[in-house]
């Protein structure tokens, strides 16, 4: 059984004290700032190891604030210590405004390597 990568990424960001909502859906009503996580795929490396890609979207009403939030999240993920059984690598954030609303949004992908865990 593999750990829920979306859940551990969300909890890590919350535990850092980040001051915006972090979830897996676009909130309704949508706040001015929030972070959305989505699993973007995975790759089985060995019978015991898997790389899971987590897309991390940083939404803000203002472009400069979205860029700042994305840089803050990138910095937090870049120092995320997942050892002994896990490891992670974030990509640099890039702008990708929401195609429906035009809301400023920066996206990055964090690859999280996990190892199977024994079920209890």
N, C-alpha and C. Protein backbone atom coordinates (compact mmCIF):
# COMPACT_ATOMS: atom_id res chain seq x y z
N UNK A 1 0.85 -1.17 0.00
CA UNK A 1 0.00 0.00 0.00
C UNK A 1 0.90 1.24 0.00
N UNK A 2 0.58 2.17 -0.87
CA UNK A 2 1.33 3.42 -0.93
C UNK A 2 0.61 4.50 -0.12
N UNK A 3 1.39 5.42 0.40
CA UNK A 3 0.86 6.55 1.14
C UNK A 3 0.11 7.46 0.16
N UNK A 4 -0.87 8.19 0.66
CA UNK A 4 -1.66 9.15 -0.12
C UNK A 4 -0.81 10.42 -0.32
N UNK A 5 -0.20 10.53 -1.49
CA UNK A 5 0.74 11.63 -1.76
C UNK A 5 0.04 12.98 -1.72
N UNK A 6 -1.18 13.04 -2.22
CA UNK A 6 -1.93 14.30 -2.17
C UNK A 6 -2.12 14.74 -0.72
N UNK A 7 -2.47 13.80 0.13
CA UNK A 7 -2.72 14.10 1.54
C UNK A 7 -1.44 14.52 2.27
N UNK A 8 -0.32 13.84 2.03
CA UNK A 8 0.90 14.22 2.75
C UNK A 8 1.44 15.56 2.25
N UNK A 9 1.24 15.85 0.97
CA UNK A 9 1.66 17.15 0.44
C UNK A 9 0.80 18.26 1.03
N UNK A 10 -0.48 18.05 1.08
CA UNK A 10 -1.40 19.03 1.68
C UNK A 10 -1.04 19.26 3.15
N UNK A 11 -0.85 18.19 3.89
CA UNK A 11 -0.55 18.33 5.31
C UNK A 11 0.79 19.04 5.52
N UNK A 12 1.77 18.73 4.70
CA UNK A 12 3.06 19.40 4.82
C UNK A 12 2.90 20.91 4.62
N UNK A 13 2.18 21.32 3.60
CA UNK A 13 2.00 22.75 3.36
C UNK A 13 1.24 23.41 4.51
N UNK A 14 0.23 22.74 5.03
CA UNK A 14 -0.52 23.27 6.18
C UNK A 14 0.40 23.39 7.39
N UNK A 15 1.21 22.35 7.64
CA UNK A 15 2.09 22.35 8.80
C UNK A 15 3.16 23.43 8.75
N UNK A 16 3.49 23.91 7.54
CA UNK A 16 4.49 24.98 7.44
C UNK A 16 3.93 26.31 7.89
N UNK A 17 2.61 26.38 8.07
CA UNK A 17 1.98 27.62 8.50
C UNK A 17 1.56 28.51 7.34
N UNK A 18 1.52 27.96 6.14
CA UNK A 18 1.11 28.76 4.99
C UNK A 18 -0.28 29.32 5.27
N UNK A 19 -0.48 30.58 4.93
CA UNK A 19 -1.68 31.30 5.37
C UNK A 19 -2.80 31.34 4.33
N UNK A 20 -2.88 30.33 3.48
CA UNK A 20 -3.97 30.24 2.50
C UNK A 20 -4.58 28.85 2.57
N UNK A 21 -5.85 28.71 2.19
CA UNK A 21 -6.47 27.38 2.17
C UNK A 21 -5.75 26.46 1.18
N UNK A 22 -5.58 25.19 1.58
CA UNK A 22 -4.94 24.19 0.73
C UNK A 22 -5.91 23.03 0.59
N UNK A 23 -6.27 22.69 -0.64
CA UNK A 23 -7.21 21.60 -0.84
C UNK A 23 -7.08 20.98 -2.22
N UNK A 24 -8.02 20.11 -2.54
CA UNK A 24 -7.98 19.40 -3.82
C UNK A 24 -9.05 19.89 -4.79
N UNK A 25 -9.85 20.83 -4.37
CA UNK A 25 -10.91 21.39 -5.22
C UNK A 25 -10.79 22.91 -5.24
N UNK A 26 -11.36 23.52 -6.26
CA UNK A 26 -11.50 24.98 -6.27
C UNK A 26 -12.65 25.29 -5.33
N UNK A 27 -12.39 26.03 -4.24
CA UNK A 27 -13.45 26.31 -3.26
C UNK A 27 -14.60 27.12 -3.87
N UNK A 28 -15.80 26.89 -3.35
CA UNK A 28 -16.97 27.65 -3.77
C UNK A 28 -17.67 28.14 -2.51
N UNK A 29 -17.65 29.42 -2.22
CA UNK A 29 -17.13 30.51 -3.05
C UNK A 29 -15.59 30.52 -3.04
N UNK A 30 -15.03 31.02 -4.13
CA UNK A 30 -13.59 31.03 -4.30
C UNK A 30 -12.97 32.18 -3.52
N UNK A 31 -12.02 31.88 -2.60
CA UNK A 31 -11.33 32.96 -1.88
C UNK A 31 -10.35 33.68 -2.81
N UNK A 32 -9.84 34.82 -2.36
CA UNK A 32 -8.90 35.60 -3.16
C UNK A 32 -7.60 34.85 -3.40
N UNK A 33 -7.21 33.98 -2.44
CA UNK A 33 -5.96 33.21 -2.55
C UNK A 33 -6.21 31.80 -2.05
N UNK A 34 -5.68 30.83 -2.78
CA UNK A 34 -5.75 29.45 -2.31
C UNK A 34 -4.79 28.59 -3.11
N UNK A 35 -4.56 27.37 -2.61
CA UNK A 35 -3.70 26.40 -3.29
C UNK A 35 -4.54 25.15 -3.55
N UNK A 36 -4.44 24.66 -4.78
CA UNK A 36 -5.15 23.44 -5.17
C UNK A 36 -4.13 22.38 -5.56
N UNK A 37 -4.31 21.17 -5.05
CA UNK A 37 -3.43 20.04 -5.36
C UNK A 37 -4.20 19.03 -6.21
N UNK A 38 -3.52 18.45 -7.20
CA UNK A 38 -4.12 17.40 -8.01
C UNK A 38 -3.05 16.38 -8.35
N UNK A 39 -3.39 15.11 -8.30
CA UNK A 39 -2.47 14.08 -8.77
C UNK A 39 -2.41 14.18 -10.29
N UNK A 40 -1.19 14.27 -10.82
CA UNK A 40 -1.02 14.45 -12.26
C UNK A 40 -0.44 13.19 -12.92
N UNK A 41 -0.32 12.12 -12.16
CA UNK A 41 0.17 10.87 -12.73
C UNK A 41 1.17 10.21 -11.79
N UNK A 42 1.54 8.99 -12.14
CA UNK A 42 2.56 8.30 -11.37
C UNK A 42 3.27 7.30 -12.26
N UNK A 43 4.41 6.86 -11.76
CA UNK A 43 5.25 5.92 -12.50
C UNK A 43 5.81 4.92 -11.51
N UNK A 44 5.61 3.65 -11.79
CA UNK A 44 6.14 2.59 -10.94
C UNK A 44 7.61 2.38 -11.28
N UNK A 45 8.49 2.55 -10.31
CA UNK A 45 9.93 2.41 -10.54
C UNK A 45 10.40 0.98 -10.29
N UNK A 46 9.98 0.44 -9.17
CA UNK A 46 10.31 -0.93 -8.80
C UNK A 46 9.06 -1.52 -8.17
N UNK A 47 9.16 -2.73 -7.71
CA UNK A 47 8.02 -3.34 -7.03
C UNK A 47 7.67 -2.57 -5.75
N UNK A 48 8.63 -1.83 -5.20
CA UNK A 48 8.42 -1.14 -3.93
C UNK A 48 8.41 0.38 -4.04
N UNK A 49 8.80 0.97 -5.17
CA UNK A 49 8.93 2.43 -5.28
C UNK A 49 8.06 2.98 -6.40
N UNK A 50 7.45 4.12 -6.12
CA UNK A 50 6.60 4.80 -7.10
C UNK A 50 6.90 6.30 -7.04
N UNK A 51 6.94 6.92 -8.22
CA UNK A 51 7.02 8.38 -8.33
C UNK A 51 5.63 8.90 -8.67
N UNK A 52 5.11 9.79 -7.84
CA UNK A 52 3.81 10.39 -8.08
C UNK A 52 4.00 11.88 -8.33
N UNK A 53 3.38 12.38 -9.39
CA UNK A 53 3.45 13.81 -9.72
C UNK A 53 2.22 14.50 -9.15
N UNK A 54 2.47 15.56 -8.38
CA UNK A 54 1.40 16.36 -7.80
C UNK A 54 1.44 17.74 -8.45
N UNK A 55 0.38 18.11 -9.14
CA UNK A 55 0.28 19.46 -9.69
C UNK A 55 -0.18 20.37 -8.57
N UNK A 56 0.54 21.46 -8.38
CA UNK A 56 0.24 22.41 -7.32
C UNK A 56 -0.08 23.74 -7.98
N UNK A 57 -1.32 24.18 -7.80
CA UNK A 57 -1.80 25.42 -8.41
C UNK A 57 -1.91 26.49 -7.32
N UNK A 58 -1.29 27.63 -7.56
CA UNK A 58 -1.35 28.77 -6.63
C UNK A 58 -2.22 29.85 -7.27
N UNK A 59 -3.40 30.06 -6.74
CA UNK A 59 -4.37 31.00 -7.28
C UNK A 59 -4.40 32.27 -6.44
N UNK A 60 -4.44 33.41 -7.09
CA UNK A 60 -4.61 34.70 -6.42
C UNK A 60 -5.33 35.63 -7.38
N UNK A 61 -6.02 36.62 -6.84
CA UNK A 61 -6.72 37.58 -7.68
C UNK A 61 -5.77 38.51 -8.44
N UNK A 62 -4.54 38.66 -7.95
CA UNK A 62 -3.56 39.55 -8.59
C UNK A 62 -2.37 38.72 -9.07
N UNK A 63 -1.88 39.03 -10.26
CA UNK A 63 -0.77 38.30 -10.88
C UNK A 63 0.47 38.27 -9.99
N UNK A 64 0.86 39.43 -9.45
CA UNK A 64 2.09 39.48 -8.64
C UNK A 64 1.94 38.66 -7.36
N UNK A 65 0.74 38.63 -6.78
CA UNK A 65 0.51 37.83 -5.58
C UNK A 65 0.54 36.33 -5.90
N UNK A 66 0.03 35.95 -7.05
CA UNK A 66 0.07 34.54 -7.46
C UNK A 66 1.52 34.10 -7.64
N UNK A 67 2.33 34.95 -8.26
CA UNK A 67 3.75 34.64 -8.46
C UNK A 67 4.47 34.52 -7.12
N UNK A 68 4.18 35.42 -6.19
CA UNK A 68 4.82 35.38 -4.87
C UNK A 68 4.42 34.13 -4.10
N UNK A 69 3.14 33.79 -4.14
CA UNK A 69 2.67 32.58 -3.46
C UNK A 69 3.34 31.35 -4.05
N UNK A 70 3.44 31.30 -5.37
CA UNK A 70 4.07 30.15 -6.02
C UNK A 70 5.54 30.04 -5.62
N UNK A 71 6.25 31.14 -5.54
CA UNK A 71 7.66 31.10 -5.13
C UNK A 71 7.78 30.63 -3.67
N UNK A 72 6.84 31.06 -2.83
CA UNK A 72 6.85 30.62 -1.43
C UNK A 72 6.64 29.11 -1.35
N UNK A 73 5.67 28.60 -2.09
CA UNK A 73 5.37 27.17 -2.09
C UNK A 73 6.55 26.39 -2.65
N UNK A 74 7.13 26.88 -3.75
CA UNK A 74 8.29 26.22 -4.34
C UNK A 74 9.42 26.11 -3.32
N UNK A 75 9.69 27.20 -2.60
CA UNK A 75 10.76 27.19 -1.59
C UNK A 75 10.48 26.17 -0.49
N UNK A 76 9.23 26.07 -0.08
CA UNK A 76 8.87 25.09 0.96
C UNK A 76 9.05 23.66 0.47
N UNK A 77 8.64 23.41 -0.77
CA UNK A 77 8.77 22.06 -1.32
C UNK A 77 10.22 21.70 -1.60
N UNK A 78 11.02 22.70 -1.93
CA UNK A 78 12.43 22.45 -2.26
C UNK A 78 13.23 21.98 -1.05
N UNK A 79 12.79 22.33 0.14
CA UNK A 79 13.50 21.90 1.36
C UNK A 79 12.75 20.80 2.11
N UNK A 80 11.68 20.29 1.52
CA UNK A 80 10.87 19.25 2.15
C UNK A 80 11.72 18.00 2.32
N UNK A 81 11.92 17.60 3.56
CA UNK A 81 12.74 16.44 3.87
C UNK A 81 11.84 15.23 4.06
N UNK A 82 11.84 14.35 3.07
CA UNK A 82 10.95 13.19 3.10
C UNK A 82 11.64 11.90 3.49
N UNK A 83 12.92 11.96 3.79
CA UNK A 83 13.64 10.74 4.10
C UNK A 83 13.11 10.10 5.37
N UNK A 84 13.22 8.78 5.57
CA UNK A 84 14.04 7.83 4.85
C UNK A 84 13.36 7.17 3.65
N UNK A 85 12.03 7.09 3.64
CA UNK A 85 11.38 6.29 2.60
C UNK A 85 10.87 7.11 1.41
N UNK A 86 10.89 8.42 1.52
CA UNK A 86 10.32 9.25 0.46
C UNK A 86 11.33 10.29 0.04
N UNK A 87 11.10 10.86 -1.12
CA UNK A 87 11.88 12.00 -1.58
C UNK A 87 11.01 12.79 -2.54
N UNK A 88 11.33 14.06 -2.77
CA UNK A 88 10.50 14.87 -3.64
C UNK A 88 11.30 15.94 -4.36
N UNK A 89 10.83 16.28 -5.56
CA UNK A 89 11.50 17.28 -6.39
C UNK A 89 10.46 18.18 -7.02
N UNK A 90 10.43 19.47 -6.67
CA UNK A 90 9.48 20.38 -7.32
C UNK A 90 10.08 20.97 -8.59
N UNK A 91 9.21 21.24 -9.56
CA UNK A 91 9.64 21.98 -10.75
C UNK A 91 9.43 23.46 -10.47
N UNK A 92 10.14 24.33 -11.17
CA UNK A 92 9.87 25.77 -10.99
C UNK A 92 8.44 26.10 -11.42
N UNK A 93 7.81 27.07 -10.73
CA UNK A 93 6.43 27.44 -11.10
C UNK A 93 6.40 28.21 -12.42
N UNK A 94 5.29 28.09 -13.13
CA UNK A 94 5.09 28.82 -14.37
C UNK A 94 3.66 29.37 -14.40
N UNK A 95 3.45 30.51 -15.06
CA UNK A 95 2.11 31.09 -15.11
C UNK A 95 1.19 30.28 -16.02
N UNK A 96 -0.03 30.06 -15.55
CA UNK A 96 -1.05 29.37 -16.33
C UNK A 96 -2.42 29.86 -15.84
N UNK A 97 -2.84 31.03 -16.31
CA UNK A 97 -4.13 31.57 -15.86
C UNK A 97 -5.26 30.58 -16.11
N UNK A 98 -6.25 30.61 -15.23
CA UNK A 98 -7.41 29.74 -15.40
C UNK A 98 -8.08 30.06 -16.74
N UNK A 99 -8.27 29.06 -17.61
CA UNK A 99 -8.83 29.34 -18.94
C UNK A 99 -10.29 29.80 -18.92
N UNK A 100 -11.02 29.48 -17.88
CA UNK A 100 -12.43 29.86 -17.81
C UNK A 100 -12.61 31.27 -17.27
N UNK A 101 -11.92 31.59 -16.17
CA UNK A 101 -12.13 32.88 -15.50
C UNK A 101 -11.01 33.88 -15.76
N UNK A 102 -9.86 33.41 -16.23
CA UNK A 102 -8.72 34.30 -16.42
C UNK A 102 -7.99 34.64 -15.13
N UNK A 103 -8.39 34.02 -14.02
CA UNK A 103 -7.77 34.28 -12.72
C UNK A 103 -6.29 33.91 -12.77
N UNK A 104 -5.41 34.79 -12.26
CA UNK A 104 -3.98 34.45 -12.22
C UNK A 104 -3.74 33.17 -11.43
N UNK A 105 -2.91 32.33 -12.01
CA UNK A 105 -2.61 31.04 -11.38
C UNK A 105 -1.21 30.63 -11.82
N UNK A 106 -0.42 30.18 -10.87
CA UNK A 106 0.90 29.62 -11.17
C UNK A 106 0.87 28.15 -10.81
N UNK A 107 1.51 27.34 -11.64
CA UNK A 107 1.47 25.89 -11.47
C UNK A 107 2.89 25.35 -11.40
N UNK A 108 3.08 24.35 -10.58
CA UNK A 108 4.33 23.60 -10.53
C UNK A 108 3.98 22.14 -10.31
N UNK A 109 4.91 21.28 -10.60
CA UNK A 109 4.70 19.84 -10.37
C UNK A 109 5.78 19.37 -9.41
N UNK A 110 5.36 18.67 -8.38
CA UNK A 110 6.30 18.09 -7.44
C UNK A 110 6.24 16.57 -7.60
N UNK A 111 7.37 15.98 -7.93
CA UNK A 111 7.45 14.53 -8.02
C UNK A 111 7.82 14.00 -6.64
N UNK A 112 7.00 13.12 -6.13
CA UNK A 112 7.20 12.57 -4.79
C UNK A 112 7.43 11.07 -4.92
N UNK A 113 8.61 10.62 -4.51
CA UNK A 113 8.94 9.19 -4.55
C UNK A 113 8.54 8.57 -3.22
N UNK A 114 7.74 7.52 -3.30
CA UNK A 114 7.30 6.82 -2.10
C UNK A 114 7.64 5.35 -2.20
N UNK A 115 7.59 4.71 -1.07
CA UNK A 115 7.88 3.28 -0.96
C UNK A 115 6.65 2.62 -0.35
N UNK A 116 6.36 1.41 -0.75
CA UNK A 116 5.18 0.73 -0.19
C UNK A 116 5.34 0.60 1.32
N UNK A 117 4.19 0.64 1.97
CA UNK A 117 4.16 0.47 3.42
C UNK A 117 3.34 -0.76 3.73
N UNK A 118 3.72 -1.46 4.78
CA UNK A 118 2.94 -2.62 5.19
C UNK A 118 1.64 -2.16 5.80
N UNK A 119 0.56 -2.85 5.45
CA UNK A 119 -0.73 -2.51 6.03
C UNK A 119 -0.77 -2.95 7.48
N UNK A 120 -1.41 -2.11 8.33
CA UNK A 120 -1.49 -2.48 9.74
C UNK A 120 -2.79 -3.12 10.09
